[in-house]
């Protein structure tokens, strides 16, 4: 487990190295990265700065922040919840010899849709049987 601090309402943070630090050196199997929050998510994709900006714009199109959502009467963060649903709360990454078996351009990206906040990211590794 580790924490991620964000500074903006919507923030995309490359957490690949932090996830890798949680994987035992001799592990082979599957690493699950789980975000225990209803307004944040995690994805595997490229961490190129232009793409990260495009992702934020995409999330605004998926769940525009200027809509009249029913949940906003309670919390004023319905768009963040809907964006997190689209992203998903977990990803699975193969592990080989203690290393994340990601593709050449793949990174593990934490996406906060309701920041700024301090969030937890859970990491679990299941050994291959």
C-alpha atoms as a PDB file:
ATOM      1  CA  UNK A   1       0.000   0.000   0.000  1.00  0.00           C
ATOM      2  CA  UNK A   2       1.134   3.528  -0.715  1.00  0.00           C
ATOM      3  CA  UNK A   3      -0.442   6.964  -0.815  1.00  0.00           C
ATOM      4  CA  UNK A   4      -0.757   9.430  -3.682  1.00  0.00           C
ATOM      5  CA  UNK A   5      -1.240  13.143  -3.101  1.00  0.00           C
ATOM      6  CA  UNK A   6      -2.859  15.191  -5.848  1.00  0.00           C
ATOM      7  CA  UNK A   7      -2.965  18.961  -6.331  1.00  0.00           C
ATOM      8  CA  UNK A   8      -5.754  19.394  -8.886  1.00  0.00           C
ATOM      9  CA  UNK A   9      -9.411  18.442  -9.255  1.00  0.00           C
ATOM     10  CA  UNK A  10      -8.465  15.922 -11.973  1.00  0.00           C
ATOM     11  CA  UNK A  11      -4.949  14.519 -11.837  1.00  0.00           C
ATOM     12  CA  UNK A  12      -3.206  11.653 -13.604  1.00  0.00           C
ATOM     13  CA  UNK A  13      -0.165  10.282 -11.778  1.00  0.00           C
ATOM     14  CA  UNK A  14       2.255   7.653 -13.089  1.00  0.00           C
ATOM     15  CA  UNK A  15       2.599   5.217 -10.174  1.00  0.00           C
ATOM     16  CA  UNK A  16       4.439   2.453 -12.052  1.00  0.00           C
ATOM     17  CA  UNK A  17       7.632   2.696 -10.011  1.00  0.00           C
ATOM     18  CA  UNK A  18       5.718   2.790  -6.732  1.00  0.00           C
ATOM     19  CA  UNK A  19       3.744  -0.310  -7.729  1.00  0.00           C
ATOM     20  CA  UNK A  20       6.971  -2.068  -8.762  1.00  0.00           C
ATOM     21  CA  UNK A  21       8.457  -1.265  -5.346  1.00  0.00           C
ATOM     22  CA  UNK A  22       5.618  -3.258  -3.729  1.00  0.00           C
ATOM     23  CA  UNK A  23       6.356  -6.423  -5.754  1.00  0.00           C
ATOM     24  CA  UNK A  24       8.591  -8.981  -3.992  1.00  0.00           C
ATOM     25  CA  UNK A  25      11.901  -9.522  -5.786  1.00  0.00           C
ATOM     26  CA  UNK A  26      11.244 -13.214  -6.479  1.00  0.00           C
ATOM     27  CA  UNK A  27       7.533 -12.951  -7.369  1.00  0.00           C
ATOM     28  CA  UNK A  28       5.986 -14.424 -10.498  1.00  0.00           C
ATOM     29  CA  UNK A  29       2.245 -14.296 -10.983  1.00  0.00           C
ATOM     30  CA  UNK A  30      -0.233 -11.435 -11.085  1.00  0.00           C
ATOM     31  CA  UNK A  31      -0.069  -8.017  -9.464  1.00  0.00           C
ATOM     32  CA  UNK A  32      -3.407  -6.398  -8.728  1.00  0.00           C
ATOM     33  CA  UNK A  33      -3.476  -2.643  -8.220  1.00  0.00           C
ATOM     34  CA  UNK A  34      -6.667  -1.522  -6.470  1.00  0.00           C
ATOM     35  CA  UNK A  35      -7.903   1.973  -5.653  1.00  0.00           C
ATOM     36  CA  UNK A  36     -10.311   1.899  -2.656  1.00  0.00           C
ATOM     37  CA  UNK A  37     -12.049   5.160  -3.565  1.00  0.00           C
ATOM     38  CA  UNK A  38     -15.274   5.863  -5.468  1.00  0.00           C
ATOM     39  CA  UNK A  39     -13.955   8.997  -7.181  1.00  0.00           C
ATOM     40  CA  UNK A  40     -10.587   7.699  -8.410  1.00  0.00           C
ATOM     41  CA  UNK A  41      -9.432   4.948 -10.726  1.00  0.00           C
ATOM     42  CA  UNK A  42      -6.428   3.189 -12.176  1.00  0.00           C
ATOM     43  CA  UNK A  43      -5.559   2.278 -15.759  1.00  0.00           C
ATOM     44  CA  UNK A  44      -2.656   0.919 -17.775  1.00  0.00           C
ATOM     45  CA  UNK A  45      -1.659   3.203 -20.623  1.00  0.00           C
ATOM     46  CA  UNK A  46       1.113   5.424 -21.922  1.00  0.00           C
ATOM     47  CA  UNK A  47       2.378   8.172 -19.595  1.00  0.00           C
ATOM     48  CA  UNK A  48       3.132  10.666 -22.382  1.00  0.00           C
ATOM     49  CA  UNK A  49       2.215  14.219 -21.293  1.00  0.00           C
ATOM     50  CA  UNK A  50       0.013  14.982 -24.309  1.00  0.00           C
ATOM     51  CA  UNK A  51      -1.926  11.765 -23.836  1.00  0.00           C
ATOM     52  CA  UNK A  52      -2.412  12.516 -20.136  1.00  0.00           C
ATOM     53  CA  UNK A  53      -3.920  15.892 -21.072  1.00  0.00           C
ATOM     54  CA  UNK A  54      -6.097  14.133 -23.673  1.00  0.00           C
ATOM     55  CA  UNK A  55      -7.258  11.687 -20.988  1.00  0.00           C
ATOM     56  CA  UNK A  56      -8.368  14.535 -18.748  1.00  0.00           C
ATOM     57  CA  UNK A  57     -10.278  16.104 -21.669  1.00  0.00           C
ATOM     58  CA  UNK A  58     -11.839  12.729 -22.476  1.00  0.00           C
ATOM     59  CA  UNK A  59     -13.064  12.338 -18.898  1.00  0.00           C
ATOM     60  CA  UNK A  60     -14.685  15.786 -19.133  1.00  0.00           C
ATOM     61  CA  UNK A  61     -16.562  14.616 -22.244  1.00  0.00           C
ATOM     62  CA  UNK A  62     -17.560  11.313 -20.584  1.00  0.00           C
ATOM     63  CA  UNK A  63     -19.000  13.058 -17.521  1.00  0.00           C
ATOM     64  CA  UNK A  64     -19.141  16.837 -17.977  1.00  0.00           C
ATOM     65  CA  UNK A  65     -18.667  18.781 -14.763  1.00  0.00           C
ATOM     66  CA  UNK A  66     -21.355  21.334 -15.646  1.00  0.00           C
ATOM     67  CA  UNK A  67     -24.338  18.943 -15.667  1.00  0.00           C
ATOM     68  CA  UNK A  68     -27.202  18.888 -13.179  1.00  0.00           C
ATOM     69  CA  UNK A  69     -26.531  15.519 -11.538  1.00  0.00           C
ATOM     70  CA  UNK A  70     -28.799  14.311  -8.737  1.00  0.00           C
ATOM     71  CA  UNK A  71     -25.846  13.280  -6.577  1.00  0.00           C
ATOM     72  CA  UNK A  72     -24.538  16.872  -6.649  1.00  0.00           C
ATOM     73  CA  UNK A  73     -27.353  17.838  -4.285  1.00  0.00           C
ATOM     74  CA  UNK A  74     -25.537  15.792  -1.636  1.00  0.00           C
ATOM     75  CA  UNK A  75     -21.836  16.034  -2.447  1.00  0.00           C
ATOM     76  CA  UNK A  76     -21.233  18.122  -5.601  1.00  0.00           C
ATOM     77  CA  UNK A  77     -18.958  15.451  -7.089  1.00  0.00           C
ATOM     78  CA  UNK A  78     -21.190  13.260  -9.264  1.00  0.00           C
ATOM     79  CA  UNK A  79     -19.005  13.796 -12.333  1.00  0.00           C
ATOM     80  CA  UNK A  80     -16.045  12.414 -10.380  1.00  0.00           C
ATOM     81  CA  UNK A  81     -17.998   9.266  -9.459  1.00  0.00           C
ATOM     82  CA  UNK A  82     -19.101   8.728 -13.065  1.00  0.00           C
ATOM     83  CA  UNK A  83     -15.564   9.212 -14.372  1.00  0.00           C
ATOM     84  CA  UNK A  84     -14.244   6.682 -11.857  1.00  0.00           C
ATOM     85  CA  UNK A  85     -16.839   4.167 -13.061  1.00  0.00           C
ATOM     86  CA  UNK A  86     -15.540   4.606 -16.614  1.00  0.00           C
ATOM     87  CA  UNK A  87     -11.917   4.153 -15.489  1.00  0.00           C
ATOM     88  CA  UNK A  88     -12.348   1.201 -13.146  1.00  0.00           C
ATOM     89  CA  UNK A  89     -10.978   0.600  -9.679  1.00  0.00           C
ATOM     90  CA  UNK A  90      -8.320  -2.004 -10.457  1.00  0.00           C
ATOM     91  CA  UNK A  91      -5.872  -3.389 -13.000  1.00  0.00           C
ATOM     92  CA  UNK A  92      -3.971  -6.664 -13.166  1.00  0.00           C
ATOM     93  CA  UNK A  93      -0.396  -6.807 -14.413  1.00  0.00           C
ATOM     94  CA  UNK A  94       1.651  -9.980 -14.943  1.00  0.00           C
ATOM     95  CA  UNK A  95       4.788 -10.326 -12.830  1.00  0.00           C
ATOM     96  CA  UNK A  96       7.859 -12.243 -13.984  1.00  0.00           C
ATOM     97  CA  UNK A  97      10.874 -12.648 -11.704  1.00  0.00           C
ATOM     98  CA  UNK A  98       9.845  -9.732  -9.517  1.00  0.00           C
ATOM     99  CA  UNK A  99       9.305  -7.365 -12.448  1.00  0.00           C
ATOM    100  CA  UNK A 100       6.058  -5.951 -13.821  1.00  0.00           C
ATOM    101  CA  UNK A 101       5.610  -7.414 -17.314  1.00  0.00           C
ATOM    102  CA  UNK A 102       4.278  -4.239 -18.900  1.00  0.00           C
ATOM    103  CA  UNK A 103       4.541  -3.480 -22.591  1.00  0.00           C
ATOM    104  CA  UNK A 104       7.107  -1.015 -23.919  1.00  0.00           C
ATOM    105  CA  UNK A 105       4.927   2.081 -23.543  1.00  0.00           C
ATOM    106  CA  UNK A 106       2.689   0.891 -20.726  1.00  0.00           C
ATOM    107  CA  UNK A 107       2.562   2.501 -17.307  1.00  0.00           C
ATOM    108  CA  UNK A 108       0.247   2.174 -14.325  1.00  0.00           C
ATOM    109  CA  UNK A 109      -1.655   5.453 -14.041  1.00  0.00           C
ATOM    110  CA  UNK A 110      -3.607   6.575 -10.976  1.00  0.00           C
ATOM    111  CA  UNK A 111      -6.415   8.984 -11.882  1.00  0.00           C
ATOM    112  CA  UNK A 112      -7.940  11.234  -9.230  1.00  0.00           C
ATOM    113  CA  UNK A 113     -11.267  12.672 -10.359  1.00  0.00           C
ATOM    114  CA  UNK A 114     -12.089  14.583  -7.148  1.00  0.00           C
ATOM    115  CA  UNK A 115      -8.903  16.141  -5.861  1.00  0.00           C
ATOM    116  CA  UNK A 116      -6.893  17.556  -4.419  1.00  0.00           C
ATOM    117  CA  UNK A 117      -6.678  14.690  -1.947  1.00  0.00           C
ATOM    118  CA  UNK A 118      -4.456  12.064  -0.420  1.00  0.00           C
ATOM    119  CA  UNK A 119      -5.448   8.625  -1.723  1.00  0.00           C
ATOM    120  CA  UNK A 120      -4.485   5.031  -0.988  1.00  0.00           C
ATOM    121  CA  UNK A 121      -3.395   2.538  -3.617  1.00  0.00           C
ATOM    122  CA  UNK A 122      -3.425  -1.147  -2.627  1.00  0.00           C
ATOM    123  CA  UNK A 123      -1.042  -3.600  -4.300  1.00  0.00           C
ATOM    124  CA  UNK A 124      -1.339  -7.383  -4.005  1.00  0.00           C
ATOM    125  CA  UNK A 125       0.710 -10.049  -5.744  1.00  0.00           C
ATOM    126  CA  UNK A 126      -0.610 -13.569  -6.243  1.00  0.00           C
ATOM    127  CA  UNK A 127       2.077 -16.118  -7.037  1.00  0.00           C
ATOM    128  CA  UNK A 128       1.694 -18.321 -10.112  1.00  0.00           C
ATOM    129  CA  UNK A 129       0.580 -21.807  -9.187  1.00  0.00           C
END
